[in-house]
Protein backbone atom coordinates (compact mmCIF):
# COMPACT_ATOMS: atom_id res chain seq x y z
CA MET A 1 56.43 50.44 79.07
CA PRO A 2 56.29 53.42 81.42
CA THR A 3 52.96 55.16 81.96
CA SER A 4 54.35 58.15 83.84
CA ARG A 5 57.60 60.08 83.90
CA ARG A 6 58.84 63.00 85.96
CA ILE A 7 61.71 64.72 84.18
CA ALA A 8 61.43 68.09 85.92
CA SER A 9 64.30 70.53 86.46
CA THR A 10 66.75 68.67 84.25
CA THR A 11 67.39 71.38 81.61
CA ILE A 12 66.41 69.11 78.72
CA GLY A 13 64.84 72.12 76.99
CA ASP A 14 63.12 72.05 73.64
CA ALA A 15 65.56 69.50 72.22
CA GLY A 16 64.62 67.01 74.94
CA ALA A 17 60.90 67.67 74.58
CA ILE A 18 61.15 67.16 70.82
CA ALA A 19 63.11 63.92 71.32
CA LEU A 20 60.44 62.63 73.72
CA ALA A 21 57.72 63.64 71.25
CA GLN A 22 59.44 61.65 68.51
CA SER A 23 60.03 58.55 70.64
CA THR A 24 58.29 55.39 69.53
CA THR A 25 58.98 53.62 72.84
CA LEU A 26 56.70 55.82 74.98
CA ARG A 27 53.34 54.88 73.46
CA ALA A 28 51.87 53.96 76.87
CA LEU A 29 52.99 57.21 78.54
CA ALA A 30 49.92 58.90 80.03
CA TRP A 31 51.47 61.46 82.43
CA LEU A 32 54.58 63.57 81.86
CA ASP A 33 56.14 66.25 84.05
CA LEU A 34 58.64 68.46 82.22
CA SER A 35 58.35 71.43 84.58
CA HIS A 36 61.23 73.92 84.86
CA ASN A 37 63.12 72.73 81.80
CA ALA A 38 63.30 75.89 79.66
CA ILE A 39 60.70 74.57 77.22
CA SER A 40 59.23 77.06 74.77
CA ASP A 41 56.69 76.90 71.95
CA ALA A 42 58.85 74.52 69.89
CA GLY A 43 58.88 71.85 72.59
CA ALA A 44 55.24 72.35 73.55
CA ILE A 45 54.06 72.10 69.94
CA ALA A 46 56.14 68.97 69.39
CA LEU A 47 54.52 67.33 72.43
CA ALA A 48 51.04 68.42 71.37
CA GLU A 49 51.56 67.02 67.87
CA ALA A 50 53.47 63.88 68.93
CA PRO A 51 52.33 61.06 66.66
CA HIS A 52 53.44 58.24 68.99
CA LEU A 53 52.17 59.55 72.33
CA ASP A 54 48.58 58.42 71.87
CA ALA A 55 48.01 57.71 75.57
CA LEU A 56 49.48 60.99 76.80
CA ALA A 57 46.73 62.84 78.66
CA VAL A 58 48.61 65.08 81.11
CA VAL A 59 51.72 67.20 80.54
CA HIS A 60 53.05 69.45 83.29
CA LEU A 61 55.11 72.38 81.99
CA ALA A 62 55.32 74.73 84.97
CA GLY A 63 57.92 77.40 84.36
CA ALA A 64 57.79 76.98 80.58
CA THR A 65 58.13 80.09 78.45
CA LEU A 66 55.18 79.65 76.14
CA GLY A 67 53.65 82.05 73.69
CA PRO A 68 50.17 81.84 72.21
CA ARG A 69 51.14 79.18 69.64
CA GLY A 70 52.49 76.79 72.26
CA ARG A 71 49.56 77.31 74.65
CA ASP A 72 47.03 76.92 71.81
CA ALA A 73 48.65 73.66 70.68
CA LEU A 74 48.57 72.26 74.23
CA ARG A 75 44.94 73.34 74.72
CA ALA A 76 43.93 71.71 71.44
CA ARG A 77 45.52 68.39 72.45
CA PHE A 78 45.07 68.30 76.24
CA GLY A 79 42.29 70.80 76.93
CA THR A 80 44.54 72.99 79.09
CA ALA A 81 47.86 74.79 79.04
CA PRO A 82 50.17 76.44 81.61
CA ASP A 83 48.72 79.71 82.90
CA ASP A 84 45.12 78.58 82.28
CA ASP A 85 42.87 79.27 85.25
C-alpha cells in the first residue's frame, strides 16, 4: 500500500479529491500532494472527512480555491490549511 502520493497539477479537481477520499485502498496513505488541481471546498471537506484515510497526516493543496468551510475542515483534521501562516 502506498504511504505517499504526489498528484499535483493533474486537473483531477473536486471529483478526483472526492474519489480519493472514498477509496478503501489508500488506508496507509500518510502524505498527499494535490496542489494546483482546482480543488475547492467540496474536495477539501471530502478529504478532511475521509473515513478510510486514517493514516493521512499531511495534505498539500497549494493553489486550491478554498473558502472558510474548506479551510476549517482541513484545520480540524490536520491542524493546518492552505493560507495559514
